[in-house]
């Protein structure tokens, strides 16, 4: 806007609120800066929509901005219908306050988490990309065969002790264990 500053429209990102399972709609934000930018696009739009020549549209736009600037310094603020209001602060700077949009334009969306255990999808684990199926196989505990070697050791030890008892009891090897002479 010649002589006033520049209006621009930006969109904020949608905001996810996972605890309440809601995604808030993105909001358009109108920003105003006191520095002027090239108004050729605005002049061309005004000329096209009003059917005037570009010079007549530029003159009408300049006159409108001058009138708006005079109103700003005479009144506490000027309201731009359905956009917001311009006002002058204590330092003499022109500021802008955006009019809030009706809530019906900015309705939130309910977000429910969907889990499809049968479907395979890509996931990122650390810096490696893999699938959920591969990770399930890696993380599933393997049922190891129970180690029962000690049972075989007991059985073989018992058999060995029995064979030794039979061997020593059936023969006369008592002399090997000490003096067998009776006193």
N, C-alpha and C. Protein backbone atom coordinates (compact mmCIF):
# COMPACT_ATOMS: atom_id res chain seq x y z
N UNK A 1 0.87 -1.15 0.00
CA UNK A 1 0.00 0.00 0.00
C UNK A 1 0.92 1.22 0.00
N UNK A 2 0.90 1.97 -1.08
CA UNK A 2 1.80 3.12 -1.21
C UNK A 2 1.64 4.10 -0.04
N UNK A 3 2.74 4.46 0.56
CA UNK A 3 2.74 5.43 1.64
C UNK A 3 2.45 4.83 3.02
N UNK A 4 1.99 3.60 3.10
CA UNK A 4 1.67 2.96 4.39
C UNK A 4 2.62 1.82 4.72
N UNK A 5 2.64 0.83 3.90
CA UNK A 5 3.45 -0.36 4.16
C UNK A 5 2.97 -1.52 3.32
N UNK A 6 3.34 -2.71 3.73
CA UNK A 6 3.04 -3.91 2.96
C UNK A 6 2.26 -4.91 3.80
N UNK A 7 1.17 -5.41 3.22
CA UNK A 7 0.40 -6.49 3.84
C UNK A 7 0.80 -7.79 3.14
N UNK A 8 0.94 -8.85 3.91
CA UNK A 8 1.20 -10.16 3.34
C UNK A 8 0.44 -11.21 4.14
N UNK A 9 0.05 -12.26 3.46
CA UNK A 9 -0.70 -13.35 4.10
C UNK A 9 0.19 -14.57 4.15
N UNK A 10 0.31 -15.14 5.34
CA UNK A 10 1.09 -16.36 5.56
C UNK A 10 0.19 -17.38 6.25
N UNK A 11 0.49 -18.63 6.05
CA UNK A 11 -0.27 -19.68 6.74
C UNK A 11 0.62 -20.31 7.80
N UNK A 12 0.05 -20.50 8.99
CA UNK A 12 0.76 -21.25 10.02
C UNK A 12 0.51 -22.73 9.76
N UNK A 13 1.36 -23.55 10.26
CA UNK A 13 1.22 -24.99 10.07
C UNK A 13 0.11 -25.54 10.96
N UNK A 14 -0.45 -26.66 10.54
CA UNK A 14 -1.42 -27.36 11.38
C UNK A 14 -0.70 -27.86 12.62
N UNK A 15 -1.38 -27.88 13.76
CA UNK A 15 -0.76 -28.30 15.01
C UNK A 15 -1.41 -29.58 15.49
N UNK A 16 -0.58 -30.56 15.80
CA UNK A 16 -1.07 -31.85 16.27
C UNK A 16 -1.04 -31.88 17.80
N UNK A 17 -2.17 -32.25 18.38
CA UNK A 17 -2.28 -32.42 19.83
C UNK A 17 -2.58 -33.90 20.06
N UNK A 18 -1.51 -34.69 20.25
CA UNK A 18 -1.67 -36.14 20.33
C UNK A 18 -2.39 -36.58 21.59
N UNK A 19 -2.24 -35.83 22.67
CA UNK A 19 -2.90 -36.25 23.91
C UNK A 19 -4.41 -36.16 23.80
N UNK A 20 -4.90 -35.14 23.09
CA UNK A 20 -6.34 -34.99 22.92
C UNK A 20 -6.84 -35.56 21.59
N UNK A 21 -5.94 -36.12 20.82
CA UNK A 21 -6.26 -36.74 19.52
C UNK A 21 -6.93 -35.75 18.58
N UNK A 22 -6.30 -34.58 18.44
CA UNK A 22 -6.85 -33.51 17.60
C UNK A 22 -5.73 -32.92 16.75
N UNK A 23 -6.07 -32.56 15.52
CA UNK A 23 -5.17 -31.78 14.68
C UNK A 23 -5.87 -30.46 14.39
N UNK A 24 -5.25 -29.36 14.83
CA UNK A 24 -5.83 -28.03 14.64
C UNK A 24 -5.54 -27.57 13.21
N UNK A 25 -6.50 -26.88 12.63
CA UNK A 25 -6.39 -26.41 11.26
C UNK A 25 -5.30 -25.34 11.13
N UNK A 26 -4.65 -25.28 9.95
CA UNK A 26 -3.71 -24.19 9.75
C UNK A 26 -4.45 -22.86 9.68
N UNK A 27 -3.82 -21.79 10.17
CA UNK A 27 -4.49 -20.50 10.24
C UNK A 27 -3.79 -19.50 9.33
N UNK A 28 -4.56 -18.73 8.58
CA UNK A 28 -3.94 -17.65 7.81
C UNK A 28 -3.61 -16.47 8.73
N UNK A 29 -2.44 -15.90 8.56
CA UNK A 29 -1.99 -14.78 9.36
C UNK A 29 -1.67 -13.62 8.43
N UNK A 30 -2.26 -12.47 8.70
CA UNK A 30 -1.98 -11.27 7.90
C UNK A 30 -0.91 -10.48 8.63
N UNK A 31 0.20 -10.24 7.95
CA UNK A 31 1.29 -9.48 8.55
C UNK A 31 1.39 -8.12 7.86
N UNK A 32 1.76 -7.12 8.64
CA UNK A 32 1.94 -5.76 8.12
C UNK A 32 3.33 -5.28 8.51
N UNK A 33 4.06 -4.79 7.52
CA UNK A 33 5.37 -4.19 7.79
C UNK A 33 5.35 -2.77 7.25
N UNK A 34 6.07 -1.87 7.90
CA UNK A 34 6.03 -0.46 7.55
C UNK A 34 6.81 -0.12 6.29
N UNK A 35 7.57 -1.02 5.75
CA UNK A 35 8.31 -0.74 4.53
C UNK A 35 7.43 -1.06 3.32
N UNK A 36 7.54 -0.23 2.33
CA UNK A 36 6.73 -0.42 1.12
C UNK A 36 7.41 -1.41 0.19
N UNK A 37 6.61 -2.12 -0.56
CA UNK A 37 7.13 -3.00 -1.59
C UNK A 37 6.52 -2.59 -2.92
N UNK A 38 6.92 -3.23 -3.98
CA UNK A 38 6.43 -2.89 -5.31
C UNK A 38 4.92 -3.13 -5.37
N UNK A 39 4.17 -2.09 -5.74
CA UNK A 39 2.71 -2.16 -5.76
C UNK A 39 2.15 -2.38 -7.16
N UNK A 40 3.00 -2.77 -8.12
CA UNK A 40 2.53 -2.94 -9.50
C UNK A 40 1.45 -4.01 -9.61
N UNK A 41 1.58 -5.09 -8.86
CA UNK A 41 0.57 -6.15 -8.91
C UNK A 41 -0.76 -5.67 -8.36
N UNK A 42 -0.73 -4.90 -7.28
CA UNK A 42 -1.97 -4.35 -6.70
C UNK A 42 -2.61 -3.36 -7.64
N UNK A 43 -1.80 -2.51 -8.26
CA UNK A 43 -2.32 -1.53 -9.22
C UNK A 43 -2.95 -2.24 -10.41
N UNK A 44 -2.32 -3.28 -10.90
CA UNK A 44 -2.87 -4.04 -12.03
C UNK A 44 -4.19 -4.69 -11.64
N UNK A 45 -4.28 -5.23 -10.42
CA UNK A 45 -5.53 -5.84 -9.95
C UNK A 45 -6.64 -4.80 -9.84
N UNK A 46 -6.34 -3.64 -9.25
CA UNK A 46 -7.34 -2.58 -9.11
C UNK A 46 -7.79 -2.09 -10.49
N UNK A 47 -6.86 -1.94 -11.42
CA UNK A 47 -7.20 -1.51 -12.77
C UNK A 47 -8.09 -2.54 -13.45
N UNK A 48 -7.78 -3.82 -13.32
CA UNK A 48 -8.57 -4.87 -13.96
C UNK A 48 -9.96 -4.97 -13.35
N UNK A 49 -10.04 -4.95 -12.02
CA UNK A 49 -11.34 -5.14 -11.36
C UNK A 49 -12.24 -3.91 -11.48
N UNK A 50 -11.65 -2.71 -11.61
CA UNK A 50 -12.49 -1.50 -11.71
C UNK A 50 -12.71 -1.06 -13.15
N UNK A 51 -11.93 -1.62 -14.07
CA UNK A 51 -12.08 -1.24 -15.48
C UNK A 51 -11.40 0.08 -15.81
N UNK A 52 -10.54 0.56 -14.92
CA UNK A 52 -9.84 1.82 -15.14
C UNK A 52 -8.49 1.55 -15.80
N UNK A 53 -7.87 2.61 -16.28
CA UNK A 53 -6.53 2.48 -16.82
C UNK A 53 -5.55 2.29 -15.66
N UNK A 54 -4.38 1.72 -15.93
CA UNK A 54 -3.41 1.52 -14.84
C UNK A 54 -3.01 2.83 -14.16
N UNK A 55 -2.92 3.93 -14.89
CA UNK A 55 -2.56 5.22 -14.28
C UNK A 55 -3.67 5.73 -13.38
N UNK A 56 -4.92 5.59 -13.83
CA UNK A 56 -6.06 6.03 -13.02
C UNK A 56 -6.18 5.16 -11.76
N UNK A 57 -5.92 3.86 -11.90
CA UNK A 57 -5.98 2.95 -10.75
C UNK A 57 -4.87 3.29 -9.76
N UNK A 58 -3.67 3.63 -10.25
CA UNK A 58 -2.56 4.00 -9.37
C UNK A 58 -2.88 5.29 -8.63
N UNK A 59 -3.49 6.26 -9.33
CA UNK A 59 -3.86 7.52 -8.68
C UNK A 59 -4.93 7.28 -7.61
N UNK A 60 -5.94 6.44 -7.91
CA UNK A 60 -7.00 6.15 -6.95
C UNK A 60 -6.44 5.42 -5.73
N UNK A 61 -5.51 4.50 -5.95
CA UNK A 61 -4.90 3.77 -4.84
C UNK A 61 -4.07 4.71 -3.97
N UNK A 62 -3.30 5.59 -4.59
CA UNK A 62 -2.50 6.56 -3.83
C UNK A 62 -3.39 7.48 -3.00
N UNK A 63 -4.52 7.92 -3.59
CA UNK A 63 -5.45 8.80 -2.88
C UNK A 63 -6.07 8.06 -1.68
N UNK A 64 -6.46 6.80 -1.90
CA UNK A 64 -7.04 5.99 -0.81
C UNK A 64 -6.03 5.83 0.33
N UNK A 65 -4.77 5.52 0.01
CA UNK A 65 -3.74 5.32 1.04
C UNK A 65 -3.45 6.63 1.78
N UNK A 66 -3.43 7.76 1.06
CA UNK A 66 -3.21 9.06 1.73
C UNK A 66 -4.35 9.37 2.69
N UNK A 67 -5.60 9.14 2.25
CA UNK A 67 -6.75 9.37 3.12
C UNK A 67 -6.69 8.46 4.37
N UNK A 68 -6.31 7.22 4.16
CA UNK A 68 -6.22 6.27 5.26
C UNK A 68 -5.13 6.70 6.25
N UNK A 69 -4.02 7.20 5.75
CA UNK A 69 -2.94 7.64 6.62
C UNK A 69 -3.35 8.86 7.44
N UNK A 70 -4.09 9.81 6.83
CA UNK A 70 -4.57 10.98 7.57
C UNK A 70 -5.57 10.57 8.66
N UNK A 71 -6.45 9.61 8.34
CA UNK A 71 -7.41 9.13 9.33
C UNK A 71 -6.70 8.46 10.51
N UNK A 72 -5.61 7.76 10.22
CA UNK A 72 -4.87 7.07 11.27
C UNK A 72 -4.31 8.05 12.30
N UNK A 73 -3.80 9.17 11.84
CA UNK A 73 -3.19 10.12 12.77
C UNK A 73 -4.23 11.01 13.46
N UNK A 74 -5.47 11.04 12.95
CA UNK A 74 -6.53 11.83 13.58
C UNK A 74 -7.35 10.99 14.56
N UNK A 75 -7.57 9.71 14.24
CA UNK A 75 -8.41 8.84 15.07
C UNK A 75 -7.52 7.80 15.76
N UNK A 76 -8.05 7.15 16.80
CA UNK A 76 -7.24 6.15 17.50
C UNK A 76 -6.93 4.92 16.62
N UNK A 77 -7.70 4.66 15.63
CA UNK A 77 -7.47 3.52 14.76
C UNK A 77 -8.46 3.50 13.62
N UNK A 78 -8.12 2.79 12.57
CA UNK A 78 -8.99 2.65 11.41
C UNK A 78 -9.23 1.16 11.20
N UNK A 79 -10.50 0.81 11.06
CA UNK A 79 -10.86 -0.59 10.86
C UNK A 79 -11.02 -0.88 9.38
N UNK A 80 -10.34 -1.92 8.92
CA UNK A 80 -10.51 -2.42 7.56
C UNK A 80 -11.46 -3.60 7.66
N UNK A 81 -12.63 -3.48 7.04
CA UNK A 81 -13.67 -4.50 7.20
C UNK A 81 -13.16 -5.90 6.87
N UNK A 82 -13.45 -6.83 7.76
CA UNK A 82 -13.15 -8.25 7.64
C UNK A 82 -11.66 -8.55 7.51
N UNK A 83 -10.80 -7.60 7.82
CA UNK A 83 -9.36 -7.81 7.75
C UNK A 83 -8.73 -7.56 9.11
N UNK A 84 -8.96 -6.36 9.67
CA UNK A 84 -8.38 -6.01 10.95
C UNK A 84 -8.38 -4.51 11.12
N UNK A 85 -7.52 -4.02 11.96
CA UNK A 85 -7.48 -2.58 12.21
C UNK A 85 -6.04 -2.09 12.22
N UNK A 86 -5.86 -0.87 11.71
CA UNK A 86 -4.58 -0.19 11.74
C UNK A 86 -4.62 0.85 12.85
N UNK A 87 -3.51 1.01 13.56
CA UNK A 87 -3.44 2.03 14.61
C UNK A 87 -2.00 2.55 14.70
N UNK A 88 -1.86 3.71 15.29
CA UNK A 88 -0.54 4.32 15.45
C UNK A 88 -0.14 4.15 16.91
N UNK A 89 1.08 3.63 17.15
CA UNK A 89 1.53 3.43 18.53
C UNK A 89 2.17 4.71 19.07
N UNK A 90 2.68 4.65 20.28
CA UNK A 90 3.23 5.83 20.95
C UNK A 90 4.47 6.36 20.24
N UNK A 91 5.17 5.52 19.50
CA UNK A 91 6.37 5.94 18.77
C UNK A 91 6.05 6.52 17.40
N UNK A 92 4.79 6.49 17.00
CA UNK A 92 4.39 7.01 15.69
C UNK A 92 4.43 5.97 14.58
N UNK A 93 4.66 4.72 14.93
CA UNK A 93 4.68 3.65 13.94
C UNK A 93 3.26 3.14 13.69
N UNK A 94 2.99 2.81 12.46
CA UNK A 94 1.69 2.23 12.09
C UNK A 94 1.75 0.74 12.35
N UNK A 95 0.80 0.22 13.12
CA UNK A 95 0.71 -1.20 13.45
C UNK A 95 -0.61 -1.76 12.97
N UNK A 96 -0.67 -3.08 12.91
CA UNK A 96 -1.86 -3.77 12.42
C UNK A 96 -2.26 -4.86 13.40
N UNK A 97 -3.56 -4.97 13.66
CA UNK A 97 -4.12 -6.04 14.50
C UNK A 97 -5.13 -6.78 13.65
N UNK A 98 -4.86 -8.06 13.41
CA UNK A 98 -5.71 -8.87 12.56
C UNK A 98 -7.03 -9.20 13.24
N UNK A 99 -8.10 -9.21 12.48
CA UNK A 99 -9.40 -9.63 12.99
C UNK A 99 -9.41 -11.15 13.06
N UNK A 100 -9.91 -11.68 14.15
CA UNK A 100 -9.95 -13.13 14.33
C UNK A 100 -10.98 -13.75 13.40
N UNK A 101 -10.61 -14.86 12.80
CA UNK A 101 -11.53 -15.59 11.93
C UNK A 101 -12.54 -16.35 12.78
N UNK A 102 -13.75 -16.52 12.27
CA UNK A 102 -14.73 -17.34 13.01
C UNK A 102 -14.23 -18.77 13.17
N UNK A 103 -14.57 -19.38 14.27
CA UNK A 103 -14.13 -20.76 14.55
C UNK A 103 -14.65 -21.76 13.52
N UNK A 104 -15.74 -21.42 12.84
CA UNK A 104 -16.27 -22.36 11.84
C UNK A 104 -15.30 -22.53 10.67
N UNK A 105 -14.41 -21.55 10.45
CA UNK A 105 -13.41 -21.67 9.38
C UNK A 105 -12.20 -22.48 9.82
N UNK A 106 -12.01 -22.63 11.10
CA UNK A 106 -10.80 -23.25 11.62
C UNK A 106 -11.11 -24.46 12.49
N UNK A 107 -11.97 -25.32 12.03
CA UNK A 107 -12.37 -26.47 12.83
C UNK A 107 -11.25 -27.49 12.92
N UNK A 108 -11.11 -28.07 14.09
CA UNK A 108 -10.11 -29.11 14.30
C UNK A 108 -10.62 -30.43 13.76
N UNK A 109 -9.69 -31.33 13.53
CA UNK A 109 -10.02 -32.65 13.00
C UNK A 109 -9.61 -33.68 14.04
N UNK A 110 -10.46 -34.67 14.25
CA UNK A 110 -10.15 -35.76 15.17
C UNK A 110 -9.17 -36.70 14.49
N UNK A 111 -8.15 -37.08 15.22
CA UNK A 111 -7.11 -37.95 14.67
C UNK A 111 -7.01 -39.21 15.51
N UNK A 112 -7.42 -40.32 14.96
CA UNK A 112 -7.34 -41.61 15.64
C UNK A 112 -6.19 -42.40 15.04
N UNK A 113 -5.38 -42.99 15.89
CA UNK A 113 -4.26 -43.79 15.42
C UNK A 113 -4.77 -45.12 14.88
N UNK A 114 -4.34 -45.47 13.70
CA UNK A 114 -4.75 -46.72 13.07
C UNK A 114 -3.54 -47.66 13.05
N UNK A 115 -3.74 -48.85 13.54
CA UNK A 115 -2.67 -49.84 13.54
C UNK A 115 -3.14 -51.02 12.69
N UNK A 116 -2.37 -51.32 11.67
CA UNK A 116 -2.66 -52.45 10.79
C UNK A 116 -1.53 -53.47 10.96
N UNK A 117 -1.70 -54.44 11.86
CA UNK A 117 -0.59 -55.36 12.13
C UNK A 117 -0.26 -56.26 10.95
N UNK A 118 -1.19 -56.48 10.03
CA UNK A 118 -0.93 -57.37 8.90
C UNK A 118 -0.16 -56.67 7.77
N UNK A 119 -0.21 -55.37 7.72
CA UNK A 119 0.44 -54.66 6.61
C UNK A 119 1.92 -54.42 6.91
N UNK A 120 2.70 -54.46 5.86
CA UNK A 120 4.14 -54.21 6.00
C UNK A 120 4.42 -52.78 5.59
N UNK A 121 5.23 -52.09 6.38
CA UNK A 121 5.57 -50.71 6.07
C UNK A 121 7.01 -50.42 6.47
N UNK A 122 7.56 -49.38 5.86
CA UNK A 122 8.93 -48.99 6.11
C UNK A 122 9.03 -48.26 7.45
N UNK A 123 10.09 -48.53 8.20
CA UNK A 123 10.36 -47.80 9.44
C UNK A 123 11.85 -47.47 9.47
N UNK A 124 12.18 -46.44 10.23
CA UNK A 124 13.56 -46.02 10.37
C UNK A 124 14.04 -46.41 11.76
N UNK A 125 15.08 -47.23 11.82
CA UNK A 125 15.65 -47.68 13.08
C UNK A 125 17.08 -47.15 13.12
N UNK A 126 17.29 -46.14 13.95
CA UNK A 126 18.60 -45.48 13.97
C UNK A 126 18.80 -44.76 12.65
N UNK A 127 19.82 -45.13 11.91
CA UNK A 127 20.04 -44.54 10.60
C UNK A 127 19.79 -45.56 9.49
N UNK A 128 19.19 -46.69 9.82
CA UNK A 128 18.93 -47.77 8.87
C UNK A 128 17.44 -47.89 8.61
N UNK A 129 17.08 -47.99 7.34
CA UNK A 129 15.67 -48.15 6.99
C UNK A 129 15.38 -49.64 6.78
N UNK A 130 14.32 -50.10 7.40
CA UNK A 130 13.95 -51.51 7.31
C UNK A 130 12.42 -51.60 7.32
N UNK A 131 11.88 -52.80 7.44
CA UNK A 131 10.42 -52.96 7.49
C UNK A 131 10.01 -53.46 8.87
N UNK A 132 8.73 -53.32 9.15
CA UNK A 132 8.24 -53.78 10.45
C UNK A 132 8.30 -55.30 10.56
N UNK A 133 8.18 -56.02 9.46
CA UNK A 133 8.24 -57.48 9.49
C UNK A 133 9.64 -57.95 9.90
N UNK A 134 10.67 -57.34 9.32
CA UNK A 134 12.05 -57.71 9.65
C UNK A 134 12.33 -57.41 11.12
N UNK A 135 11.88 -56.25 11.60
CA UNK A 135 12.12 -55.88 12.99
C UNK A 135 11.37 -56.80 13.95
N UNK A 136 10.18 -57.25 13.58
CA UNK A 136 9.43 -58.17 14.42
C UNK A 136 10.19 -59.49 14.55
N UNK A 137 10.76 -59.98 13.44
CA UNK A 137 11.54 -61.22 13.49
C UNK A 137 12.79 -61.05 14.34
N UNK A 138 13.45 -59.88 14.24
CA UNK A 138 14.66 -59.65 15.02
C UNK A 138 14.37 -59.53 16.51
N UNK A 139 13.26 -58.93 16.86
CA UNK A 139 12.96 -58.66 18.26
C UNK A 139 12.16 -59.75 18.96
N UNK A 140 11.66 -60.73 18.21
CA UNK A 140 10.91 -61.83 18.82
C UNK A 140 11.90 -62.76 19.52
N UNK A 141 11.67 -63.04 20.80
CA UNK A 141 12.61 -63.92 21.50
C UNK A 141 12.55 -65.33 20.93
N UNK A 142 13.72 -65.90 20.70
CA UNK A 142 13.80 -67.25 20.15
C UNK A 142 13.70 -68.23 21.32
N UNK A 143 12.93 -69.29 21.13
CA UNK A 143 12.80 -70.31 22.18
C UNK A 143 13.98 -71.27 22.02
N UNK A 144 14.93 -71.17 22.89
CA UNK A 144 16.12 -72.02 22.84
C UNK A 144 15.79 -73.37 23.46
N UNK A 145 16.40 -74.42 22.88
CA UNK A 145 16.21 -75.76 23.44
C UNK A 145 16.86 -75.78 24.82
N UNK A 146 16.16 -76.34 25.76
CA UNK A 146 16.69 -76.35 27.13
C UNK A 146 17.91 -77.25 27.18
N UNK A 147 18.91 -76.75 27.83
CA UNK A 147 20.18 -77.46 27.93
C UNK A 147 20.08 -78.49 29.06
N UNK A 148 20.10 -79.77 28.71
CA UNK A 148 19.94 -80.83 29.70
C UNK A 148 21.18 -81.73 29.76
N UNK A 149 22.37 -81.20 29.59
CA UNK A 149 23.60 -81.99 29.63
C UNK A 149 23.86 -82.59 31.00
N UNK A 150 23.40 -81.90 32.02
CA UNK A 150 23.66 -82.36 33.38
C UNK A 150 22.95 -83.68 33.68
N UNK A 151 21.83 -83.92 32.98
CA UNK A 151 21.14 -85.21 33.19
C UNK A 151 22.02 -86.35 32.69
N UNK A 152 22.64 -86.16 31.51
CA UNK A 152 23.51 -87.18 30.95
C UNK A 152 24.75 -87.37 31.82
N UNK A 153 25.26 -86.29 32.41
CA UNK A 153 26.42 -86.40 33.29
C UNK A 153 26.09 -87.21 34.53
N UNK A 154 24.91 -87.01 35.11
CA UNK A 154 24.50 -87.78 36.30
C UNK A 154 24.32 -89.25 35.95
N UNK A 155 23.68 -89.50 34.80
CA UNK A 155 23.44 -90.90 34.40
C UNK A 155 24.77 -91.61 34.16
N UNK A 156 25.70 -90.97 33.42
CA UNK A 156 26.99 -91.62 33.15
C UNK A 156 27.81 -91.77 34.43
N UNK A 157 27.75 -90.75 35.30
CA UNK A 157 28.47 -90.87 36.59
C UNK A 157 27.93 -92.01 37.43
N UNK A 158 26.63 -92.19 37.50
CA UNK A 158 25.99 -93.27 38.27
C UNK A 158 26.38 -94.63 37.69
N UNK A 159 26.36 -94.73 36.36
CA UNK A 159 26.74 -96.00 35.71
C UNK A 159 28.20 -96.32 36.02
N UNK A 160 29.05 -95.29 35.97
CA UNK A 160 30.48 -95.51 36.27
C UNK A 160 30.68 -95.96 37.71
N UNK A 161 30.02 -95.35 38.66
CA UNK A 161 30.14 -95.74 40.07
C UNK A 161 29.63 -97.16 40.27
N UNK A 162 28.53 -97.53 39.64
CA UNK A 162 28.00 -98.90 39.75
C UNK A 162 28.98 -99.93 39.19
N UNK A 163 29.59 -99.61 38.05
CA UNK A 163 30.55 -100.55 37.46
C UNK A 163 31.77 -100.72 38.37
N UNK A 164 32.21 -99.62 38.97
CA UNK A 164 33.34 -99.72 39.89
C UNK A 164 32.97 -100.56 41.12
N UNK A 165 31.79 -100.36 41.66
CA UNK A 165 31.35 -101.16 42.82
C UNK A 165 31.27 -102.64 42.47
N UNK A 166 30.73 -102.94 41.32
CA UNK A 166 30.63 -104.35 40.90
C UNK A 166 32.02 -104.93 40.70
N UNK A 167 32.90 -104.19 40.11
CA UNK A 167 34.24 -104.68 39.84
C UNK A 167 35.00 -104.96 41.13
N UNK A 168 34.93 -104.01 42.07
CA UNK A 168 35.67 -104.18 43.30
C UNK A 168 35.02 -105.18 44.25
N UNK A 169 33.73 -105.34 44.21
CA UNK A 169 33.09 -106.27 45.13
C UNK A 169 33.19 -107.72 44.65
N UNK A 170 33.26 -107.97 43.39
CA UNK A 170 33.30 -109.34 42.87
C UNK A 170 34.69 -109.93 42.88
N UNK A 171 35.71 -109.23 42.96
CA UNK A 171 37.07 -109.78 42.92
C UNK A 171 37.78 -109.46 44.23
N UNK A 172 38.93 -110.02 44.38
CA UNK A 172 39.66 -109.83 45.61
C UNK A 172 40.67 -108.69 45.45
N UNK A 173 40.18 -107.55 45.30
CA UNK A 173 41.05 -106.38 45.15
C UNK A 173 41.06 -105.55 46.42
N UNK A 174 40.67 -106.15 47.50
CA UNK A 174 40.67 -105.45 48.77
C UNK A 174 42.08 -105.13 49.21
N UNK A 175 43.11 -105.97 48.75
CA UNK A 175 44.50 -105.75 49.13
C UNK A 175 45.01 -104.45 48.54
N UNK A 176 44.43 -104.04 47.50
CA UNK A 176 44.86 -102.78 46.87
C UNK A 176 44.54 -101.59 47.75
N UNK A 177 43.54 -101.77 48.60
CA UNK A 177 43.11 -100.64 49.40
C UNK A 177 43.82 -100.59 50.76
N UNK A 178 44.58 -101.58 51.09
CA UNK A 178 45.27 -101.54 52.37
C UNK A 178 45.77 -102.94 52.78
N UNK A 179 46.14 -103.14 54.02
CA UNK A 179 46.66 -104.41 54.53
C UNK A 179 45.46 -105.33 54.78
N UNK A 180 45.49 -106.50 54.19
CA UNK A 180 44.40 -107.44 54.34
C UNK A 180 44.74 -108.58 55.31
N UNK A 181 45.85 -108.51 55.95
CA UNK A 181 46.24 -109.54 56.89
C UNK A 181 45.50 -109.31 58.21
N UNK A 182 44.90 -110.39 58.73
CA UNK A 182 44.15 -110.25 59.95
C UNK A 182 45.12 -110.35 61.13
N UNK A 183 44.85 -109.60 62.10
CA UNK A 183 45.68 -109.60 63.29
C UNK A 183 45.03 -110.41 64.37
